[in-house]
């Protein structure tokens, strides 16, 4: 990889990270659960793609990188579901509050 293409790739990465942070930080908290669900679906697609890459046996490097991608995508999917579950529990009524009203 030439130095010009590396600098371009780092520039795009930094710009994408900045724009992504700005977009996500302005999302109202009411929309976080649907947004996380969509993110989990995209992570599931990347998990399938990484499984295909790991199992294709193109070379040892592609198999190792595919395995790393499987581990990262699985962690992302599981973490997304844990966070979504925690956020949905915030919107449920507590049983103590219902008992006190009666």
PDB file of N, CA and C in Angstrom:
ATOM      1  N   UNK A   1       0.854  -1.170   0.000  1.00  0.00           N
ATOM      2  CA  UNK A   1       0.000   0.000   0.000  1.00  0.00           C
ATOM      3  C   UNK A   1       0.897   1.230   0.000  1.00  0.00           C
ATOM      4  N   UNK A   2       0.668   2.106  -0.939  1.00  0.00           N
ATOM      5  CA  UNK A   2       1.505   3.301  -1.033  1.00  0.00           C
ATOM      6  C   UNK A   2       1.144   4.296   0.070  1.00  0.00           C
ATOM      7  N   UNK A   3       2.039   5.228   0.299  1.00  0.00           N
ATOM      8  CA  UNK A   3       1.815   6.199   1.374  1.00  0.00           C
ATOM      9  C   UNK A   3       0.637   7.121   1.046  1.00  0.00           C
ATOM     10  N   UNK A   4       0.435   7.431  -0.240  1.00  0.00           N
ATOM     11  CA  UNK A   4      -0.694   8.287  -0.616  1.00  0.00           C
ATOM     12  C   UNK A   4      -2.029   7.606  -0.347  1.00  0.00           C
ATOM     13  N   UNK A   5      -2.119   6.323  -0.686  1.00  0.00           N
ATOM     14  CA  UNK A   5      -3.382   5.619  -0.441  1.00  0.00           C
ATOM     15  C   UNK A   5      -3.597   5.382   1.050  1.00  0.00           C
ATOM     16  N   UNK A   6      -2.526   5.195   1.811  1.00  0.00           N
ATOM     17  CA  UNK A   6      -2.659   5.036   3.265  1.00  0.00           C
ATOM     18  C   UNK A   6      -3.156   6.330   3.899  1.00  0.00           C
ATOM     19  N   UNK A   7      -2.625   7.451   3.475  1.00  0.00           N
ATOM     20  CA  UNK A   7      -3.072   8.744   4.004  1.00  0.00           C
ATOM     21  C   UNK A   7      -4.533   8.989   3.630  1.00  0.00           C
ATOM     22  N   UNK A   8      -4.899   8.634   2.404  1.00  0.00           N
ATOM     23  CA  UNK A   8      -6.297   8.791   1.982  1.00  0.00           C
ATOM     24  C   UNK A   8      -7.215   7.906   2.812  1.00  0.00           C
ATOM     25  N   UNK A   9      -6.801   6.669   3.062  1.00  0.00           N
ATOM     26  CA  UNK A   9      -7.618   5.746   3.858  1.00  0.00           C
ATOM     27  C   UNK A   9      -7.757   6.247   5.294  1.00  0.00           C
ATOM     28  N   UNK A  10      -6.680   6.751   5.871  1.00  0.00           N
ATOM     29  CA  UNK A  10      -6.759   7.292   7.231  1.00  0.00           C
ATOM     30  C   UNK A  10      -7.633   8.539   7.287  1.00  0.00           C
ATOM     31  N   UNK A  11      -7.568   9.367   6.251  1.00  0.00           N
ATOM     32  CA  UNK A  11      -8.412  10.561   6.186  1.00  0.00           C
ATOM     33  C   UNK A  11      -9.889  10.175   6.127  1.00  0.00           C
ATOM     34  N   UNK A  12     -10.220   9.200   5.286  1.00  0.00           N
ATOM     35  CA  UNK A  12     -11.614   8.738   5.179  1.00  0.00           C
ATOM     36  C   UNK A  12     -12.066   8.128   6.501  1.00  0.00           C
ATOM     37  N   UNK A  13     -11.206   7.353   7.154  1.00  0.00           N
ATOM     38  CA  UNK A  13     -11.547   6.744   8.442  1.00  0.00           C
ATOM     39  C   UNK A  13     -11.815   7.807   9.495  1.00  0.00           C
ATOM     40  N   UNK A  14     -10.940   8.799   9.589  1.00  0.00           N
ATOM     41  CA  UNK A  14     -11.120   9.860  10.587  1.00  0.00           C
ATOM     42  C   UNK A  14     -12.388  10.659  10.304  1.00  0.00           C
ATOM     43  N   UNK A  15     -12.641  10.956   9.054  1.00  0.00           N
ATOM     44  CA  UNK A  15     -13.839  11.701   8.689  1.00  0.00           C
ATOM     45  C   UNK A  15     -15.105  10.893   8.990  1.00  0.00           C
ATOM     46  N   UNK A  16     -15.079   9.601   8.684  1.00  0.00           N
ATOM     47  CA  UNK A  16     -16.234   8.745   8.962  1.00  0.00           C
ATOM     48  C   UNK A  16     -16.477   8.620  10.463  1.00  0.00           C
ATOM     49  N   UNK A  17     -15.412   8.518  11.252  1.00  0.00           N
ATOM     50  CA  UNK A  17     -15.564   8.437  12.700  1.00  0.00           C
ATOM     51  C   UNK A  17     -16.166   9.728  13.255  1.00  0.00           C
ATOM     52  N   UNK A  18     -15.706  10.866  12.776  1.00  0.00           N
ATOM     53  CA  UNK A  18     -16.229  12.153  13.241  1.00  0.00           C
ATOM     54  C   UNK A  18     -17.698  12.324  12.866  1.00  0.00           C
ATOM     55  N   UNK A  19     -18.024  12.057  11.606  1.00  0.00           N
ATOM     56  CA  UNK A  19     -19.409  12.207  11.151  1.00  0.00           C
ATOM     57  C   UNK A  19     -20.314  11.208  11.869  1.00  0.00           C
ATOM     58  N   UNK A  20     -19.860   9.981  12.043  1.00  0.00           N
ATOM     59  CA  UNK A  20     -20.653   8.984  12.762  1.00  0.00           C
ATOM     60  C   UNK A  20     -20.934   9.400  14.191  1.00  0.00           C
ATOM     61  N   UNK A  21     -19.933   9.934  14.867  1.00  0.00           N
ATOM     62  CA  UNK A  21     -20.139  10.397  16.238  1.00  0.00           C
ATOM     63  C   UNK A  21     -21.143  11.543  16.279  1.00  0.00           C
ATOM     64  N   UNK A  22     -21.027  12.478  15.356  1.00  0.00           N
ATOM     65  CA  UNK A  22     -21.941  13.614  15.325  1.00  0.00           C
ATOM     66  C   UNK A  22     -23.370  13.169  15.051  1.00  0.00           C
ATOM     67  N   UNK A  23     -23.548  12.230  14.157  1.00  0.00           N
ATOM     68  CA  UNK A  23     -24.893  11.754  13.826  1.00  0.00           C
ATOM     69  C   UNK A  23     -25.512  11.003  15.002  1.00  0.00           C
ATOM     70  N   UNK A  24     -24.767  10.096  15.602  1.00  0.00           N
ATOM     71  CA  UNK A  24     -25.295   9.277  16.696  1.00  0.00           C
ATOM     72  C   UNK A  24     -25.551  10.122  17.938  1.00  0.00           C
ATOM     73  N   UNK A  25     -24.721  11.107  18.204  1.00  0.00           N
ATOM     74  CA  UNK A  25     -24.912  11.911  19.418  1.00  0.00           C
ATOM     75  C   UNK A  25     -26.156  12.790  19.335  1.00  0.00           C
ATOM     76  N   UNK A  26     -26.674  13.027  18.149  1.00  0.00           N
ATOM     77  CA  UNK A  26     -27.862  13.864  17.995  1.00  0.00           C
ATOM     78  C   UNK A  26     -29.158  13.067  17.873  1.00  0.00           C
ATOM     79  N   UNK A  27     -29.090  11.746  18.018  1.00  0.00           N
ATOM     80  CA  UNK A  27     -30.289  10.914  17.949  1.00  0.00           C
ATOM     81  C   UNK A  27     -31.009  10.983  19.293  1.00  0.00           C
ATOM     82  N   UNK A  28     -32.311  11.276  19.308  1.00  0.00           N
ATOM     83  CA  UNK A  28     -33.043  11.301  20.579  1.00  0.00           C
ATOM     84  C   UNK A  28     -33.058   9.911  21.235  1.00  0.00           C
ATOM     85  N   UNK A  29     -33.115   9.888  22.551  1.00  0.00           N
ATOM     86  CA  UNK A  29     -33.031   8.612  23.267  1.00  0.00           C
ATOM     87  C   UNK A  29     -34.203   7.688  22.944  1.00  0.00           C
ATOM     88  N   UNK A  30     -35.320   8.239  22.527  1.00  0.00           N
ATOM     89  CA  UNK A  30     -36.473   7.410  22.173  1.00  0.00           C
ATOM     90  C   UNK A  30     -36.206   6.573  20.923  1.00  0.00           C
ATOM     91  N   UNK A  31     -35.318   7.032  20.069  1.00  0.00           N
ATOM     92  CA  UNK A  31     -35.032   6.310  18.827  1.00  0.00           C
ATOM     93  C   UNK A  31     -33.845   5.361  18.926  1.00  0.00           C
ATOM     94  N   UNK A  32     -33.196   5.277  20.075  1.00  0.00           N
ATOM     95  CA  UNK A  32     -32.009   4.433  20.189  1.00  0.00           C
ATOM     96  C   UNK A  32     -32.333   2.954  20.026  1.00  0.00           C
ATOM     97  N   UNK A  33     -33.451   2.473  20.565  1.00  0.00           N
ATOM     98  CA  UNK A  33     -33.776   1.048  20.451  1.00  0.00           C
ATOM     99  C   UNK A  33     -34.008   0.618  19.011  1.00  0.00           C
ATOM    100  N   UNK A  34     -34.817   1.345  18.202  1.00  0.00           N
ATOM    101  CA  UNK A  34     -34.940   0.943  16.796  1.00  0.00           C
ATOM    102  C   UNK A  34     -33.626   1.058  16.032  1.00  0.00           C
ATOM    103  N   UNK A  35     -32.818   2.049  16.380  1.00  0.00           N
ATOM    104  CA  UNK A  35     -31.532   2.209  15.719  1.00  0.00           C
ATOM    105  C   UNK A  35     -30.609   1.048  16.045  1.00  0.00           C
ATOM    106  N   UNK A  36     -30.616   0.599  17.304  1.00  0.00           N
ATOM    107  CA  UNK A  36     -29.799  -0.549  17.688  1.00  0.00           C
ATOM    108  C   UNK A  36     -30.270  -1.818  16.994  1.00  0.00           C
ATOM    109  N   UNK A  37     -31.575  -1.975  16.802  1.00  0.00           N
ATOM    110  CA  UNK A  37     -32.085  -3.149  16.111  1.00  0.00           C
ATOM    111  C   UNK A  37     -31.590  -3.186  14.671  1.00  0.00           C
ATOM    112  N   UNK A  38     -31.598  -2.054  14.010  1.00  0.00           N
ATOM    113  CA  UNK A  38     -31.088  -1.989  12.635  1.00  0.00           C
ATOM    114  C   UNK A  38     -29.590  -2.270  12.601  1.00  0.00           C
ATOM    115  N   UNK A  39     -28.867  -1.771  13.589  1.00  0.00           N
ATOM    116  CA  UNK A  39     -27.433  -2.020  13.661  1.00  0.00           C
ATOM    117  C   UNK A  39     -27.147  -3.492  13.886  1.00  0.00           C
ATOM    118  N   UNK A  40     -27.966  -4.152  14.719  1.00  0.00           N
ATOM    119  CA  UNK A  40     -27.795  -5.584  14.938  1.00  0.00           C
ATOM    120  C   UNK A  40     -28.035  -6.369  13.659  1.00  0.00           C
ATOM    121  N   UNK A  41     -28.999  -5.954  12.857  1.00  0.00           N
ATOM    122  CA  UNK A  41     -29.259  -6.639  11.587  1.00  0.00           C
ATOM    123  C   UNK A  41     -28.066  -6.495  10.643  1.00  0.00           C
ATOM    124  N   UNK A  42     -27.483  -5.297  10.581  1.00  0.00           N
ATOM    125  CA  UNK A  42     -26.309  -5.088   9.730  1.00  0.00           C
ATOM    126  C   UNK A  42     -25.130  -5.908  10.240  1.00  0.00           C
ATOM    127  N   UNK A  43     -24.974  -5.990  11.558  1.00  0.00           N
ATOM    128  CA  UNK A  43     -23.892  -6.791  12.127  1.00  0.00           C
ATOM    129  C   UNK A  43     -24.095  -8.274  11.819  1.00  0.00           C
ATOM    130  N   UNK A  44     -25.345  -8.712  11.782  1.00  0.00           N
ATOM    131  CA  UNK A  44     -25.628 -10.104  11.411  1.00  0.00           C
ATOM    132  C   UNK A  44     -25.223 -10.390   9.980  1.00  0.00           C
ATOM    133  N   UNK A  45     -25.432  -9.424   9.094  1.00  0.00           N
ATOM    134  CA  UNK A  45     -25.011  -9.591   7.701  1.00  0.00           C
ATOM    135  C   UNK A  45     -23.493  -9.677   7.610  1.00  0.00           C
ATOM    136  N   UNK A  46     -22.798  -8.841   8.369  1.00  0.00           N
ATOM    137  CA  UNK A  46     -21.336  -8.908   8.349  1.00  0.00           C
ATOM    138  C   UNK A  46     -20.831 -10.205   8.974  1.00  0.00           C
ATOM    139  N   UNK A  47     -21.579 -10.758   9.922  1.00  0.00           N
ATOM    140  CA  UNK A  47     -21.202 -12.049  10.494  1.00  0.00           C
ATOM    141  C   UNK A  47     -21.295 -13.151   9.449  1.00  0.00           C
ATOM    142  N   UNK A  48     -22.346 -13.145   8.649  1.00  0.00           N
ATOM    143  CA  UNK A  48     -22.487 -14.138   7.580  1.00  0.00           C
ATOM    144  C   UNK A  48     -21.353 -13.988   6.562  1.00  0.00           C
ATOM    145  N   UNK A  49     -21.043 -12.755   6.192  1.00  0.00           N
ATOM    146  CA  UNK A  49     -19.946 -12.518   5.253  1.00  0.00           C
ATOM    147  C   UNK A  49     -18.604 -12.978   5.794  1.00  0.00           C
ATOM    148  N   UNK A  50     -18.373 -12.757   7.083  1.00  0.00           N
ATOM    149  CA  UNK A  50     -17.100 -13.195   7.666  1.00  0.00           C
ATOM    150  C   UNK A  50     -17.032 -14.713   7.780  1.00  0.00           C
ATOM    151  N   UNK A  51     -18.174 -15.368   7.997  1.00  0.00           N
ATOM    152  CA  UNK A  51     -18.186 -16.840   7.996  1.00  0.00           C
ATOM    153  C   UNK A  51     -17.841 -17.388   6.616  1.00  0.00           C
ATOM    154  N   UNK A  52     -18.374 -16.760   5.587  1.00  0.00           N
ATOM    155  CA  UNK A  52     -18.053 -17.184   4.220  1.00  0.00           C
ATOM    156  C   UNK A  52     -16.571 -16.986   3.933  1.00  0.00           C
ATOM    157  N   UNK A  53     -16.031 -15.855   4.354  1.00  0.00           N
ATOM    158  CA  UNK A  53     -14.606 -15.580   4.123  1.00  0.00           C
ATOM    159  C   UNK A  53     -13.723 -16.565   4.882  1.00  0.00           C
ATOM    160  N   UNK A  54     -14.086 -16.860   6.114  1.00  0.00           N
ATOM    161  CA  UNK A  54     -13.268 -17.779   6.913  1.00  0.00           C
ATOM    162  C   UNK A  54     -13.324 -19.197   6.361  1.00  0.00           C
ATOM    163  N   UNK A  55     -14.461 -19.593   5.798  1.00  0.00           N
ATOM    164  CA  UNK A  55     -14.605 -20.965   5.319  1.00  0.00           C
ATOM    165  C   UNK A  55     -14.231 -21.182   3.875  1.00  0.00           C
ATOM    166  N   UNK A  56     -13.837 -20.135   3.156  1.00  0.00           N
ATOM    167  CA  UNK A  56     -13.546 -20.273   1.726  1.00  0.00           C
ATOM    168  C   UNK A  56     -12.180 -20.904   1.450  1.00  0.00           C
ATOM    169  N   UNK A  57     -11.264 -20.828   2.399  1.00  0.00           N
ATOM    170  CA  UNK A  57      -9.916 -21.415   2.263  1.00  0.00           C
ATOM    171  C   UNK A  57      -9.166 -20.880   1.049  1.00  0.00           C
ATOM    172  N   UNK A  58      -9.235 -19.557   0.820  1.00  0.00           N
ATOM    173  CA  UNK A  58      -8.448 -18.958  -0.259  1.00  0.00           C
ATOM    174  C   UNK A  58      -6.960 -19.024   0.070  1.00  0.00           C
ATOM    175  N   UNK A  59      -6.634 -18.613   1.273  1.00  0.00           N
ATOM    176  CA  UNK A  59      -5.253 -18.699   1.752  1.00  0.00           C
ATOM    177  C   UNK A  59      -5.298 -18.733   3.273  1.00  0.00           C
ATOM    178  N   UNK A  60      -4.151 -18.956   3.872  1.00  0.00           N
ATOM    179  CA  UNK A  60      -4.088 -18.984   5.334  1.00  0.00           C
ATOM    180  C   UNK A  60      -4.410 -17.601   5.902  1.00  0.00           C
ATOM    181  N   UNK A  61      -3.933 -16.566   5.236  1.00  0.00           N
ATOM    182  CA  UNK A  61      -4.196 -15.203   5.703  1.00  0.00           C
ATOM    183  C   UNK A  61      -5.692 -14.883   5.671  1.00  0.00           C
ATOM    184  N   UNK A  62      -6.375 -15.264   4.593  1.00  0.00           N
ATOM    185  CA  UNK A  62      -7.811 -14.975   4.514  1.00  0.00           C
ATOM    186  C   UNK A  62      -8.589 -15.776   5.557  1.00  0.00           C
ATOM    187  N   UNK A  63      -8.153 -16.989   5.853  1.00  0.00           N
ATOM    188  CA  UNK A  63      -8.821 -17.789   6.878  1.00  0.00           C
ATOM    189  C   UNK A  63      -8.635 -17.161   8.258  1.00  0.00           C
ATOM    190  N   UNK A  64      -7.416 -16.709   8.557  1.00  0.00           N
ATOM    191  CA  UNK A  64      -7.148 -16.084   9.857  1.00  0.00           C
ATOM    192  C   UNK A  64      -7.917 -14.770   9.980  1.00  0.00           C
ATOM    193  N   UNK A  65      -7.878 -13.945   8.935  1.00  0.00           N
ATOM    194  CA  UNK A  65      -8.622 -12.681   8.977  1.00  0.00           C
ATOM    195  C   UNK A  65     -10.126 -12.925   9.034  1.00  0.00           C
ATOM    196  N   UNK A  66     -10.594 -13.964   8.360  1.00  0.00           N
ATOM    197  CA  UNK A  66     -12.008 -14.332   8.436  1.00  0.00           C
ATOM    198  C   UNK A  66     -12.402 -14.744   9.840  1.00  0.00           C
ATOM    199  N   UNK A  67     -11.526 -15.503  10.510  1.00  0.00           N
ATOM    200  CA  UNK A  67     -11.801 -15.903  11.890  1.00  0.00           C
ATOM    201  C   UNK A  67     -11.843 -14.695  12.814  1.00  0.00           C
ATOM    202  N   UNK A  68     -10.916 -13.766  12.641  1.00  0.00           N
ATOM    203  CA  UNK A  68     -10.920 -12.545  13.446  1.00  0.00           C
ATOM    204  C   UNK A  68     -12.204 -11.757  13.192  1.00  0.00           C
ATOM    205  N   UNK A  69     -12.619 -11.707  11.929  1.00  0.00           N
ATOM    206  CA  UNK A  69     -13.861 -11.004  11.591  1.00  0.00           C
ATOM    207  C   UNK A  69     -15.072 -11.694  12.208  1.00  0.00           C
ATOM    208  N   UNK A  70     -15.069 -13.024  12.256  1.00  0.00           N
ATOM    209  CA  UNK A  70     -16.170 -13.758  12.897  1.00  0.00           C
ATOM    210  C   UNK A  70     -16.238 -13.418  14.379  1.00  0.00           C
ATOM    211  N   UNK A  71     -15.094 -13.402  15.038  1.00  0.00           N
ATOM    212  CA  UNK A  71     -15.066 -13.086  16.469  1.00  0.00           C
ATOM    213  C   UNK A  71     -15.549 -11.653  16.710  1.00  0.00           C
ATOM    214  N   UNK A  72     -15.074 -10.710  15.912  1.00  0.00           N
ATOM    215  CA  UNK A  72     -15.483  -9.305  16.085  1.00  0.00           C
ATOM    216  C   UNK A  72     -16.970  -9.108  15.794  1.00  0.00           C
ATOM    217  N   UNK A  73     -17.464  -9.717  14.723  1.00  0.00           N
ATOM    218  CA  UNK A  73     -18.873  -9.563  14.372  1.00  0.00           C
ATOM    219  C   UNK A  73     -19.778 -10.228  15.407  1.00  0.00           C
ATOM    220  N   UNK A  74     -19.359 -11.382  15.925  1.00  0.00           N
ATOM    221  CA  UNK A  74     -20.148 -12.055  16.958  1.00  0.00           C
ATOM    222  C   UNK A  74     -20.206 -11.210  18.227  1.00  0.00           C
ATOM    223  N   UNK A  75     -19.073 -10.645  18.606  1.00  0.00           N
ATOM    224  CA  UNK A  75     -19.038  -9.763  19.773  1.00  0.00           C
ATOM    225  C   UNK A  75     -19.945  -8.559  19.566  1.00  0.00           C
ATOM    226  N   UNK A  76     -19.951  -8.017  18.365  1.00  0.00           N
ATOM    227  CA  UNK A  76     -20.785  -6.867  18.056  1.00  0.00           C
ATOM    228  C   UNK A  76     -22.272  -7.218  18.124  1.00  0.00           C
ATOM    229  N   UNK A  77     -22.647  -8.363  17.584  1.00  0.00           N
ATOM    230  CA  UNK A  77     -24.055  -8.778  17.607  1.00  0.00           C
ATOM    231  C   UNK A  77     -24.514  -9.034  19.042  1.00  0.00           C
ATOM    232  N   UNK A  78     -23.737  -9.797  19.797  1.00  0.00           N
ATOM    233  CA  UNK A  78     -24.124 -10.117  21.177  1.00  0.00           C
ATOM    234  C   UNK A  78     -24.174  -8.847  22.024  1.00  0.00           C
ATOM    235  N   UNK A  79     -23.172  -7.997  21.888  1.00  0.00           N
ATOM    236  CA  UNK A  79     -23.174  -6.738  22.639  1.00  0.00           C
ATOM    237  C   UNK A  79     -24.339  -5.851  22.260  1.00  0.00           C
ATOM    238  N   UNK A  80     -24.695  -5.833  20.991  1.00  0.00           N
ATOM    239  CA  UNK A  80     -25.842  -5.036  20.554  1.00  0.00           C
ATOM    240  C   UNK A  80     -27.142  -5.518  21.165  1.00  0.00           C
ATOM    241  N   UNK A  81     -27.317  -6.850  21.222  1.00  0.00           N
ATOM    242  CA  UNK A  81     -28.524  -7.372  21.842  1.00  0.00           C
ATOM    243  C   UNK A  81     -28.558  -7.123  23.349  1.00  0.00           C
ATOM    244  N   UNK A  82     -27.413  -7.179  24.000  1.00  0.00           N
ATOM    245  CA  UNK A  82     -27.361  -6.900  25.440  1.00  0.00           C
ATOM    246  C   UNK A  82     -27.726  -5.439  25.705  1.00  0.00           C
ATOM    247  N   UNK A  83     -27.185  -4.540  24.904  1.00  0.00           N
ATOM    248  CA  UNK A  83     -27.489  -3.117  25.078  1.00  0.00           C
ATOM    249  C   UNK A  83     -28.950  -2.832  24.762  1.00  0.00           C
ATOM    250  N   UNK A  84     -29.475  -3.443  23.695  1.00  0.00           N
ATOM    251  CA  UNK A  84     -30.880  -3.247  23.349  1.00  0.00           C
ATOM    252  C   UNK A  84     -31.784  -3.750  24.460  1.00  0.00           C
ATOM    253  N   UNK A  85     -31.449  -4.907  25.029  1.00  0.00           N
ATOM    254  CA  UNK A  85     -32.249  -5.448  26.134  1.00  0.00           C
ATOM    255  C   UNK A  85     -32.217  -4.513  27.340  1.00  0.00           C
ATOM    256  N   UNK A  86     -31.058  -3.983  27.645  1.00  0.00           N
ATOM    257  CA  UNK A  86     -30.942  -3.052  28.773  1.00  0.00           C
ATOM    258  C   UNK A  86     -31.760  -1.785  28.526  1.00  0.00           C
ATOM    259  N   UNK A  87     -31.731  -1.299  27.296  1.00  0.00           N
ATOM    260  CA  UNK A  87     -32.493  -0.086  26.979  1.00  0.00           C
ATOM    261  C   UNK A  87     -33.993  -0.349  27.045  1.00  0.00           C
ATOM    262  N   UNK A  88     -34.425  -1.511  26.580  1.00  0.00           N
ATOM    263  CA  UNK A  88     -35.857  -1.822  26.630  1.00  0.00           C
ATOM    264  C   UNK A  88     -36.336  -2.010  28.066  1.00  0.00           C
ATOM    265  N   UNK A  89     -35.466  -2.515  28.944  1.00  0.00           N
ATOM    266  CA  UNK A  89     -35.844  -2.656  30.359  1.00  0.00           C
ATOM    267  C   UNK A  89     -36.040  -1.301  31.018  1.00  0.00           C
ATOM    268  N   UNK A  90     -35.410  -0.262  30.502  1.00  0.00           N
ATOM    269  CA  UNK A  90     -35.587   1.075  31.066  1.00  0.00           C
ATOM    270  C   UNK A  90     -37.010   1.579  30.858  1.00  0.00           C
ATOM    271  N   UNK A  91     -37.684   1.107  29.810  1.00  0.00           N
ATOM    272  CA  UNK A  91     -39.026   1.585  29.503  1.00  0.00           C
ATOM    273  C   UNK A  91     -40.124   0.766  30.176  1.00  0.00           C
ATOM    274  N   UNK A  92     -39.781  -0.340  30.814  1.00  0.00           N
ATOM    275  CA  UNK A  92     -40.786  -1.163  31.485  1.00  0.00           C
ATOM    276  C   UNK A  92     -41.110  -0.573  32.847  1.00  0.00           C
ATOM    277  N   UNK A  93     -42.355  -0.759  33.242  1.00  0.00           N
ATOM    278  CA  UNK A  93     -42.743  -0.309  34.582  1.00  0.00           C
ATOM    279  C   UNK A  93     -42.242  -1.301  35.610  1.00  0.00           C
ATOM    280  N   UNK A  94     -41.894  -0.767  36.746  1.00  0.00           N
ATOM    281  CA  UNK A  94     -41.414  -1.609  37.818  1.00  0.00           C
ATOM    282  C   UNK A  94     -42.612  -2.159  38.585  1.00  0.00           C
ATOM    283  N   UNK A  95     -42.559  -3.411  39.033  1.00  0.00           N
ATOM    284  CA  UNK A  95     -43.685  -3.984  39.759  1.00  0.00           C
ATOM    285  C   UNK A  95     -43.984  -3.271  41.071  1.00  0.00           C
ATOM    286  N   UNK A  96     -43.005  -2.680  41.717  1.00  0.00           N
ATOM    287  CA  UNK A  96     -43.209  -1.967  42.974  1.00  0.00           C
ATOM    288  C   UNK A  96     -44.106  -0.743  42.774  1.00  0.00           C
ATOM    289  N   UNK A  97     -43.932  -0.069  41.667  1.00  0.00           N
ATOM    290  CA  UNK A  97     -44.731   1.140  41.395  1.00  0.00           C
ATOM    291  C   UNK A  97     -46.197   0.772  41.176  1.00  0.00           C
ATOM    292  N   UNK A  98     -46.446  -0.355  40.530  1.00  0.00           N
ATOM    293  CA  UNK A  98     -47.837  -0.810  40.318  1.00  0.00           C
ATOM    294  C   UNK A  98     -48.491  -1.232  41.638  1.00  0.00           C
ATOM    295  N   UNK A  99     -47.742  -1.855  42.524  1.00  0.00           N
ATOM    296  CA  UNK A  99     -48.293  -2.301  43.803  1.00  0.00           C
ATOM    297  C   UNK A  99     -48.631  -1.110  44.709  1.00  0.00           C
ATOM    298  N   UNK A 100     -47.846  -0.052  44.654  1.00  0.00           N
ATOM    299  CA  UNK A 100     -48.089   1.115  45.490  1.00  0.00           C
ATOM    300  C   UNK A 100     -49.334   1.881  45.042  1.00  0.00           C
ATOM    301  N   UNK A 101     -49.657   1.823  43.754  1.00  0.00           N
ATOM    302  CA  UNK A 101     -50.827   2.537  43.250  1.00  0.00           C
ATOM    303  C   UNK A 101     -52.119   1.885  43.700  1.00  0.00           C
ATOM    304  N   UNK A 102     -52.111   0.603  43.957  1.00  0.00           N
ATOM    305  CA  UNK A 102     -53.342  -0.104  44.338  1.00  0.00           C
ATOM    306  C   UNK A 102     -53.569  -0.012  45.787  1.00  0.00           C
TER     307      UNK A 102
END
